[in-house]
Amino acid sequence: AAEGGEFGIRVNTILPDAILQGSA
């Protein structure tokens, strides 16, 4: 994200907890 800003590239993160459904 720090390097991508000047190129209009956004980088974000999602922090989930345990997701049991449909997960291998």
mmCIF file of all heavy atoms, coordinates in Angstrom:
data_MODEL
# 
_entry.id   MODEL 
# 
loop_
_atom_site.group_PDB 
_atom_site.id 
_atom_site.type_symbol 
_atom_site.label_atom_id 
_atom_site.label_alt_id 
_atom_site.label_comp_id 
_atom_site.label_asym_id 
_atom_site.label_entity_id 
_atom_site.label_seq_id 
_atom_site.pdbx_PDB_ins_code 
_atom_site.Cartn_x 
_atom_site.Cartn_y 
_atom_site.Cartn_z 
_atom_site.occupancy 
_atom_site.B_iso_or_equiv 
_atom_site.pdbx_formal_charge 
_atom_site.auth_seq_id 
_atom_site.auth_comp_id 
_atom_site.auth_asym_id 
_atom_site.auth_atom_id 
_atom_site.pdbx_PDB_model_num 
ATOM 1   N N   . ALA A 1 1  ? 0.830   -1.205  0.000   1.00 0.00 ? 1  ALA A N   1 
ATOM 2   C CA  . ALA A 1 1  ? 0.000   0.000   0.000   1.00 0.00 ? 1  ALA A CA  1 
ATOM 3   C C   . ALA A 1 1  ? 0.865   1.256   0.000   1.00 0.00 ? 1  ALA A C   1 
ATOM 4   O O   . ALA A 1 1  ? 0.555   2.249   -0.674  1.00 0.00 ? 1  ALA A O   1 
ATOM 5   C CB  . ALA A 1 1  ? -0.926  -0.003  1.213   1.00 0.00 ? 1  ALA A CB  1 
ATOM 6   N N   . ALA A 1 2  ? 1.963   1.211   0.741   1.00 0.00 ? 2  ALA A N   1 
ATOM 7   C CA  . ALA A 1 2  ? 2.850   2.380   0.817   1.00 0.00 ? 2  ALA A CA  1 
ATOM 8   C C   . ALA A 1 2  ? 3.470   2.700   -0.531  1.00 0.00 ? 2  ALA A C   1 
ATOM 9   O O   . ALA A 1 2  ? 3.676   3.874   -0.875  1.00 0.00 ? 2  ALA A O   1 
ATOM 10  C CB  . ALA A 1 2  ? 3.941   2.121   1.859   1.00 0.00 ? 2  ALA A CB  1 
ATOM 11  N N   . GLU A 1 3  ? 3.758   1.661   -1.321  1.00 0.00 ? 3  GLU A N   1 
ATOM 12  C CA  . GLU A 1 3  ? 4.354   1.888   -2.640  1.00 0.00 ? 3  GLU A CA  1 
ATOM 13  C C   . GLU A 1 3  ? 3.317   2.090   -3.735  1.00 0.00 ? 3  GLU A C   1 
ATOM 14  O O   . GLU A 1 3  ? 3.600   2.692   -4.762  1.00 0.00 ? 3  GLU A O   1 
ATOM 15  C CB  . GLU A 1 3  ? 5.254   0.701   -3.010  1.00 0.00 ? 3  GLU A CB  1 
ATOM 16  C CG  . GLU A 1 3  ? 6.533   0.620   -2.214  1.00 0.00 ? 3  GLU A CG  1 
ATOM 17  C CD  . GLU A 1 3  ? 7.528   -0.344  -2.841  1.00 0.00 ? 3  GLU A CD  1 
ATOM 18  O OE1 . GLU A 1 3  ? 7.676   -0.314  -4.085  1.00 0.00 ? 3  GLU A OE1 1 
ATOM 19  O OE2 . GLU A 1 3  ? 8.154   -1.122  -2.104  1.00 0.00 ? 3  GLU A OE2 1 
ATOM 20  N N   . GLY A 1 4  ? 2.120   1.575   -3.510  1.00 0.00 ? 4  GLY A N   1 
ATOM 21  C CA  . GLY A 1 4  ? 1.119   1.592   -4.581  1.00 0.00 ? 4  GLY A CA  1 
ATOM 22  C C   . GLY A 1 4  ? 0.329   2.865   -4.712  1.00 0.00 ? 4  GLY A C   1 
ATOM 23  O O   . GLY A 1 4  ? -0.299  3.105   -5.750  1.00 0.00 ? 4  GLY A O   1 
ATOM 24  N N   . GLY A 1 5  ? 0.354   3.701   -3.685  1.00 0.00 ? 5  GLY A N   1 
ATOM 25  C CA  . GLY A 1 5  ? -0.479  4.895   -3.694  1.00 0.00 ? 5  GLY A CA  1 
ATOM 26  C C   . GLY A 1 5  ? -0.293  5.786   -4.905  1.00 0.00 ? 5  GLY A C   1 
ATOM 27  O O   . GLY A 1 5  ? -1.263  6.266   -5.509  1.00 0.00 ? 5  GLY A O   1 
ATOM 28  N N   . GLU A 1 6  ? 0.965   6.010   -5.299  1.00 0.00 ? 6  GLU A N   1 
ATOM 29  C CA  . GLU A 1 6  ? 1.217   6.928   -6.420  1.00 0.00 ? 6  GLU A CA  1 
ATOM 30  C C   . GLU A 1 6  ? 0.689   6.379   -7.738  1.00 0.00 ? 6  GLU A C   1 
ATOM 31  O O   . GLU A 1 6  ? 0.517   7.125   -8.709  1.00 0.00 ? 6  GLU A O   1 
ATOM 32  C CB  . GLU A 1 6  ? 2.715   7.213   -6.542  1.00 0.00 ? 6  GLU A CB  1 
ATOM 33  C CG  . GLU A 1 6  ? 3.566   6.009   -6.897  1.00 0.00 ? 6  GLU A CG  1 
ATOM 34  C CD  . GLU A 1 6  ? 5.045   6.368   -7.019  1.00 0.00 ? 6  GLU A CD  1 
ATOM 35  O OE1 . GLU A 1 6  ? 5.398   7.117   -7.956  1.00 0.00 ? 6  GLU A OE1 1 
ATOM 36  O OE2 . GLU A 1 6  ? 5.828   5.912   -6.158  1.00 0.00 ? 6  GLU A OE2 1 
ATOM 37  N N   . PHE A 1 7  ? 0.396   5.079   -7.783  1.00 0.00 ? 7  PHE A N   1 
ATOM 38  C CA  . PHE A 1 7  ? -0.141  4.457   -8.997  1.00 0.00 ? 7  PHE A CA  1 
ATOM 39  C C   . PHE A 1 7  ? -1.644  4.193   -8.897  1.00 0.00 ? 7  PHE A C   1 
ATOM 40  O O   . PHE A 1 7  ? -2.227  3.559   -9.771  1.00 0.00 ? 7  PHE A O   1 
ATOM 41  C CB  . PHE A 1 7  ? 0.586   3.139   -9.283  1.00 0.00 ? 7  PHE A CB  1 
ATOM 42  C CG  . PHE A 1 7  ? 2.079   3.274   -9.339  1.00 0.00 ? 7  PHE A CG  1 
ATOM 43  C CD1 . PHE A 1 7  ? 2.873   2.752   -8.333  1.00 0.00 ? 7  PHE A CD1 1 
ATOM 44  C CD2 . PHE A 1 7  ? 2.700   3.957   -10.390 1.00 0.00 ? 7  PHE A CD2 1 
ATOM 45  C CE1 . PHE A 1 7  ? 4.252   2.881   -8.370  1.00 0.00 ? 7  PHE A CE1 1 
ATOM 46  C CE2 . PHE A 1 7  ? 4.073   4.092   -10.431 1.00 0.00 ? 7  PHE A CE2 1 
ATOM 47  C CZ  . PHE A 1 7  ? 4.856   3.556   -9.421  1.00 0.00 ? 7  PHE A CZ  1 
ATOM 48  N N   . GLY A 1 8  ? -2.237  4.682   -7.808  1.00 0.00 ? 8  GLY A N   1 
ATOM 49  C CA  . GLY A 1 8  ? -3.663  4.463   -7.619  1.00 0.00 ? 8  GLY A CA  1 
ATOM 50  C C   . GLY A 1 8  ? -3.995  3.040   -7.224  1.00 0.00 ? 8  GLY A C   1 
ATOM 51  O O   . GLY A 1 8  ? -5.137  2.591   -7.378  1.00 0.00 ? 8  GLY A O   1 
ATOM 52  N N   . ILE A 1 9  ? -3.003  2.326   -6.685  1.00 0.00 ? 9  ILE A N   1 
ATOM 53  C CA  . ILE A 1 9  ? -3.210  0.929   -6.271  1.00 0.00 ? 9  ILE A CA  1 
ATOM 54  C C   . ILE A 1 9  ? -3.445  0.899   -4.763  1.00 0.00 ? 9  ILE A C   1 
ATOM 55  O O   . ILE A 1 9  ? -2.575  1.289   -3.986  1.00 0.00 ? 9  ILE A O   1 
ATOM 56  C CB  . ILE A 1 9  ? -1.997  0.057   -6.641  1.00 0.00 ? 9  ILE A CB  1 
ATOM 57  C CG1 . ILE A 1 9  ? -1.769  0.072   -8.151  1.00 0.00 ? 9  ILE A CG1 1 
ATOM 58  C CG2 . ILE A 1 9  ? -2.208  -1.379  -6.146  1.00 0.00 ? 9  ILE A CG2 1 
ATOM 59  C CD1 . ILE A 1 9  ? -0.467  -0.589  -8.591  1.00 0.00 ? 9  ILE A CD1 1 
ATOM 60  N N   . ARG A 1 10 ? -4.617  0.464   -4.366  1.00 0.00 ? 10 ARG A N   1 
ATOM 61  C CA  . ARG A 1 10 ? -4.975  0.372   -2.951  1.00 0.00 ? 10 ARG A CA  1 
ATOM 62  C C   . ARG A 1 10 ? -4.813  -1.069  -2.468  1.00 0.00 ? 10 ARG A C   1 
ATOM 63  O O   . ARG A 1 10 ? -5.111  -2.005  -3.205  1.00 0.00 ? 10 ARG A O   1 
ATOM 64  C CB  . ARG A 1 10 ? -6.419  0.831   -2.720  1.00 0.00 ? 10 ARG A CB  1 
ATOM 65  C CG  . ARG A 1 10 ? -6.679  2.258   -3.155  1.00 0.00 ? 10 ARG A CG  1 
ATOM 66  C CD  . ARG A 1 10 ? -8.084  2.717   -2.794  1.00 0.00 ? 10 ARG A CD  1 
ATOM 67  N NE  . ARG A 1 10 ? -9.122  1.964   -3.482  1.00 0.00 ? 10 ARG A NE  1 
ATOM 68  C CZ  . ARG A 1 10 ? -9.936  1.097   -2.902  1.00 0.00 ? 10 ARG A CZ  1 
ATOM 69  N NH1 . ARG A 1 10 ? -9.830  0.842   -1.600  1.00 0.00 ? 10 ARG A NH1 1 
ATOM 70  N NH2 . ARG A 1 10 ? -10.854 0.451   -3.598  1.00 0.00 ? 10 ARG A NH2 1 
ATOM 71  N N   . VAL A 1 11 ? -4.359  -1.232  -1.236  1.00 0.00 ? 11 VAL A N   1 
ATOM 72  C CA  . VAL A 1 11 ? -4.161  -2.578  -0.677  1.00 0.00 ? 11 VAL A CA  1 
ATOM 73  C C   . VAL A 1 11 ? -4.709  -2.597  0.744   1.00 0.00 ? 11 VAL A C   1 
ATOM 74  O O   . VAL A 1 11 ? -4.274  -1.825  1.591   1.00 0.00 ? 11 VAL A O   1 
ATOM 75  C CB  . VAL A 1 11 ? -2.673  -2.983  -0.671  1.00 0.00 ? 11 VAL A CB  1 
ATOM 76  C CG1 . VAL A 1 11 ? -2.540  -4.468  -0.351  1.00 0.00 ? 11 VAL A CG1 1 
ATOM 77  C CG2 . VAL A 1 11 ? -1.999  -2.658  -1.994  1.00 0.00 ? 11 VAL A CG2 1 
ATOM 78  N N   . ASN A 1 12 ? -5.684  -3.454  0.975   1.00 0.00 ? 12 ASN A N   1 
ATOM 79  C CA  . ASN A 1 12 ? -6.310  -3.546  2.288   1.00 0.00 ? 12 ASN A CA  1 
ATOM 80  C C   . ASN A 1 12 ? -6.431  -5.016  2.703   1.00 0.00 ? 12 ASN A C   1 
ATOM 81  O O   . ASN A 1 12 ? -6.340  -5.921  1.864   1.00 0.00 ? 12 ASN A O   1 
ATOM 82  C CB  . ASN A 1 12 ? -7.689  -2.883  2.266   1.00 0.00 ? 12 ASN A CB  1 
ATOM 83  C CG  . ASN A 1 12 ? -7.591  -1.380  2.039   1.00 0.00 ? 12 ASN A CG  1 
ATOM 84  O OD1 . ASN A 1 12 ? -7.171  -0.641  2.911   1.00 0.00 ? 12 ASN A OD1 1 
ATOM 85  N ND2 . ASN A 1 12 ? -7.964  -0.940  0.844   1.00 0.00 ? 12 ASN A ND2 1 
ATOM 86  N N   . THR A 1 13 ? -6.643  -5.236  3.985   1.00 0.00 ? 13 THR A N   1 
ATOM 87  C CA  . THR A 1 13 ? -6.632  -6.587  4.536   1.00 0.00 ? 13 THR A CA  1 
ATOM 88  C C   . THR A 1 13 ? -7.883  -6.842  5.366   1.00 0.00 ? 13 THR A C   1 
ATOM 89  O O   . THR A 1 13 ? -8.339  -5.965  6.111   1.00 0.00 ? 13 THR A O   1 
ATOM 90  C CB  . THR A 1 13 ? -5.391  -6.787  5.425   1.00 0.00 ? 13 THR A CB  1 
ATOM 91  O OG1 . THR A 1 13 ? -4.218  -6.471  4.667   1.00 0.00 ? 13 THR A OG1 1 
ATOM 92  C CG2 . THR A 1 13 ? -5.292  -8.216  5.921   1.00 0.00 ? 13 THR A CG2 1 
ATOM 93  N N   . ILE A 1 14 ? -8.422  -8.048  5.245   1.00 0.00 ? 14 ILE A N   1 
ATOM 94  C CA  . ILE A 1 14 ? -9.544  -8.479  6.073   1.00 0.00 ? 14 ILE A CA  1 
ATOM 95  C C   . ILE A 1 14 ? -9.047  -9.541  7.044   1.00 0.00 ? 14 ILE A C   1 
ATOM 96  O O   . ILE A 1 14 ? -8.308  -10.464 6.663   1.00 0.00 ? 14 ILE A O   1 
ATOM 97  C CB  . ILE A 1 14 ? -10.692 -9.027  5.201   1.00 0.00 ? 14 ILE A CB  1 
ATOM 98  C CG1 . ILE A 1 14 ? -11.293 -7.888  4.367   1.00 0.00 ? 14 ILE A CG1 1 
ATOM 99  C CG2 . ILE A 1 14 ? -11.761 -9.694  6.051   1.00 0.00 ? 14 ILE A CG2 1 
ATOM 100 C CD1 . ILE A 1 14 ? -12.343 -8.329  3.386   1.00 0.00 ? 14 ILE A CD1 1 
ATOM 101 N N   . LEU A 1 15 ? -9.467  -9.411  8.296   1.00 0.00 ? 15 LEU A N   1 
ATOM 102 C CA  . LEU A 1 15 ? -9.063  -10.352 9.337   1.00 0.00 ? 15 LEU A CA  1 
ATOM 103 C C   . LEU A 1 15 ? -10.301 -11.122 9.808   1.00 0.00 ? 15 LEU A C   1 
ATOM 104 O O   . LEU A 1 15 ? -11.015 -10.671 10.707  1.00 0.00 ? 15 LEU A O   1 
ATOM 105 C CB  . LEU A 1 15 ? -8.434  -9.605  10.521  1.00 0.00 ? 15 LEU A CB  1 
ATOM 106 C CG  . LEU A 1 15 ? -7.323  -8.587  10.210  1.00 0.00 ? 15 LEU A CG  1 
ATOM 107 C CD1 . LEU A 1 15 ? -6.813  -7.967  11.497  1.00 0.00 ? 15 LEU A CD1 1 
ATOM 108 C CD2 . LEU A 1 15 ? -6.184  -9.245  9.439   1.00 0.00 ? 15 LEU A CD2 1 
ATOM 109 N N   . PRO A 1 16 ? -10.566 -12.274 9.214   1.00 0.00 ? 16 PRO A N   1 
ATOM 110 C CA  . PRO A 1 16 ? -11.719 -13.063 9.660   1.00 0.00 ? 16 PRO A CA  1 
ATOM 111 C C   . PRO A 1 16 ? -11.350 -13.941 10.853  1.00 0.00 ? 16 PRO A C   1 
ATOM 112 O O   . PRO A 1 16 ? -10.181 -14.185 11.129  1.00 0.00 ? 16 PRO A O   1 
ATOM 113 C CB  . PRO A 1 16 ? -12.045 -13.949 8.449   1.00 0.00 ? 16 PRO A CB  1 
ATOM 114 C CG  . PRO A 1 16 ? -11.053 -13.586 7.372   1.00 0.00 ? 16 PRO A CG  1 
ATOM 115 C CD  . PRO A 1 16 ? -9.921  -12.885 8.048   1.00 0.00 ? 16 PRO A CD  1 
ATOM 116 N N   . ASP A 1 17 ? -12.405 -14.422 11.505  1.00 0.00 ? 17 ASP A N   1 
ATOM 117 C CA  . ASP A 1 17 ? -12.207 -15.518 12.449  1.00 0.00 ? 17 ASP A CA  1 
ATOM 118 C C   . ASP A 1 17 ? -12.627 -16.799 11.734  1.00 0.00 ? 17 ASP A C   1 
ATOM 119 O O   . ASP A 1 17 ? -12.920 -16.786 10.536  1.00 0.00 ? 17 ASP A O   1 
ATOM 120 C CB  . ASP A 1 17 ? -13.034 -15.297 13.715  1.00 0.00 ? 17 ASP A CB  1 
ATOM 121 C CG  . ASP A 1 17 ? -12.608 -16.230 14.852  1.00 0.00 ? 17 ASP A CG  1 
ATOM 122 O OD1 . ASP A 1 17 ? -11.551 -16.879 14.719  1.00 0.00 ? 17 ASP A OD1 1 
ATOM 123 O OD2 . ASP A 1 17 ? -13.333 -16.310 15.857  1.00 0.00 ? 17 ASP A OD2 1 
ATOM 124 N N   . ALA A 1 18 ? -12.657 -17.881 12.454  1.00 0.00 ? 18 ALA A N   1 
ATOM 125 C CA  . ALA A 1 18 ? -12.901 -19.203 11.875  1.00 0.00 ? 18 ALA A CA  1 
ATOM 126 C C   . ALA A 1 18 ? -14.155 -19.235 10.996  1.00 0.00 ? 18 ALA A C   1 
ATOM 127 O O   . ALA A 1 18 ? -15.238 -18.867 11.441  1.00 0.00 ? 18 ALA A O   1 
ATOM 128 C CB  . ALA A 1 18 ? -13.038 -20.217 13.004  1.00 0.00 ? 18 ALA A CB  1 
ATOM 129 N N   . ILE A 1 19 ? -13.976 -19.671 9.745   1.00 0.00 ? 19 ILE A N   1 
ATOM 130 C CA  . ILE A 1 19 ? -15.088 -19.836 8.810   1.00 0.00 ? 19 ILE A CA  1 
ATOM 131 C C   . ILE A 1 19 ? -15.102 -21.292 8.391   1.00 0.00 ? 19 ILE A C   1 
ATOM 132 O O   . ILE A 1 19 ? -14.277 -21.736 7.589   1.00 0.00 ? 19 ILE A O   1 
ATOM 133 C CB  . ILE A 1 19 ? -14.922 -18.904 7.596   1.00 0.00 ? 19 ILE A CB  1 
ATOM 134 C CG1 . ILE A 1 19 ? -14.905 -17.449 8.075   1.00 0.00 ? 19 ILE A CG1 1 
ATOM 135 C CG2 . ILE A 1 19 ? -16.043 -19.126 6.585   1.00 0.00 ? 19 ILE A CG2 1 
ATOM 136 C CD1 . ILE A 1 19 ? -14.542 -16.470 7.010   1.00 0.00 ? 19 ILE A CD1 1 
ATOM 137 N N   . LEU A 1 20 ? -16.021 -22.034 8.955   1.00 0.00 ? 20 LEU A N   1 
ATOM 138 C CA  . LEU A 1 20 ? -16.032 -23.470 8.748   1.00 0.00 ? 20 LEU A CA  1 
ATOM 139 C C   . LEU A 1 20 ? -16.775 -23.888 7.488   1.00 0.00 ? 20 LEU A C   1 
ATOM 140 O O   . LEU A 1 20 ? -16.522 -24.948 6.927   1.00 0.00 ? 20 LEU A O   1 
ATOM 141 C CB  . LEU A 1 20 ? -16.657 -24.174 9.966   1.00 0.00 ? 20 LEU A CB  1 
ATOM 142 C CG  . LEU A 1 20 ? -15.735 -24.378 11.188  1.00 0.00 ? 20 LEU A CG  1 
ATOM 143 C CD1 . LEU A 1 20 ? -15.325 -23.065 11.811  1.00 0.00 ? 20 LEU A CD1 1 
ATOM 144 C CD2 . LEU A 1 20 ? -16.426 -25.261 12.226  1.00 0.00 ? 20 LEU A CD2 1 
ATOM 145 N N   . GLN A 1 21 ? -17.738 -23.056 7.033   1.00 0.00 ? 21 GLN A N   1 
ATOM 146 C CA  . GLN A 1 21 ? -18.582 -23.443 5.910   1.00 0.00 ? 21 GLN A CA  1 
ATOM 147 C C   . GLN A 1 21 ? -17.833 -23.372 4.580   1.00 0.00 ? 21 GLN A C   1 
ATOM 148 O O   . GLN A 1 21 ? -17.213 -22.358 4.259   1.00 0.00 ? 21 GLN A O   1 
ATOM 149 C CB  . GLN A 1 21 ? -19.829 -22.542 5.836   1.00 0.00 ? 21 GLN A CB  1 
ATOM 150 C CG  . GLN A 1 21 ? -20.761 -22.675 7.030   1.00 0.00 ? 21 GLN A CG  1 
ATOM 151 C CD  . GLN A 1 21 ? -20.211 -21.987 8.272   1.00 0.00 ? 21 GLN A CD  1 
ATOM 152 O OE1 . GLN A 1 21 ? -19.344 -21.120 8.185   1.00 0.00 ? 21 GLN A OE1 1 
ATOM 153 N NE2 . GLN A 1 21 ? -20.707 -22.392 9.432   1.00 0.00 ? 21 GLN A NE2 1 
ATOM 154 N N   . GLY A 1 22 ? -17.904 -24.436 3.810   1.00 0.00 ? 22 GLY A N   1 
ATOM 155 C CA  . GLY A 1 22 ? -17.330 -24.452 2.462   1.00 0.00 ? 22 GLY A CA  1 
ATOM 156 C C   . GLY A 1 22 ? -15.827 -24.407 2.422   1.00 0.00 ? 22 GLY A C   1 
ATOM 157 O O   . GLY A 1 22 ? -15.234 -24.094 1.393   1.00 0.00 ? 22 GLY A O   1 
ATOM 158 N N   . SER A 1 23 ? -15.168 -24.702 3.526   1.00 0.00 ? 23 SER A N   1 
ATOM 159 C CA  . SER A 1 23 ? -13.716 -24.556 3.595   1.00 0.00 ? 23 SER A CA  1 
ATOM 160 C C   . SER A 1 23 ? -13.024 -25.913 3.546   1.00 0.00 ? 23 SER A C   1 
ATOM 161 O O   . SER A 1 23 ? -13.295 -26.793 4.378   1.00 0.00 ? 23 SER A O   1 
ATOM 162 C CB  . SER A 1 23 ? -13.321 -23.830 4.884   1.00 0.00 ? 23 SER A CB  1 
ATOM 163 O OG  . SER A 1 23 ? -11.929 -23.884 5.074   1.00 0.00 ? 23 SER A OG  1 
ATOM 164 N N   . ALA A 1 24 ? -12.107 -26.059 2.590   1.00 0.00 ? 24 ALA A N   1 
ATOM 165 C CA  . ALA A 1 24 ? -11.318 -27.291 2.520   1.00 0.00 ? 24 ALA A CA  1 
ATOM 166 C C   . ALA A 1 24 ? -10.391 -27.400 3.720   1.00 0.00 ? 24 ALA A C   1 
ATOM 167 O O   . ALA A 1 24 ? -10.085 -28.504 4.196   1.00 0.00 ? 24 ALA A O   1 
ATOM 168 C CB  . ALA A 1 24 ? -10.511 -27.313 1.220   1.00 0.00 ? 24 ALA A CB  1 
# 
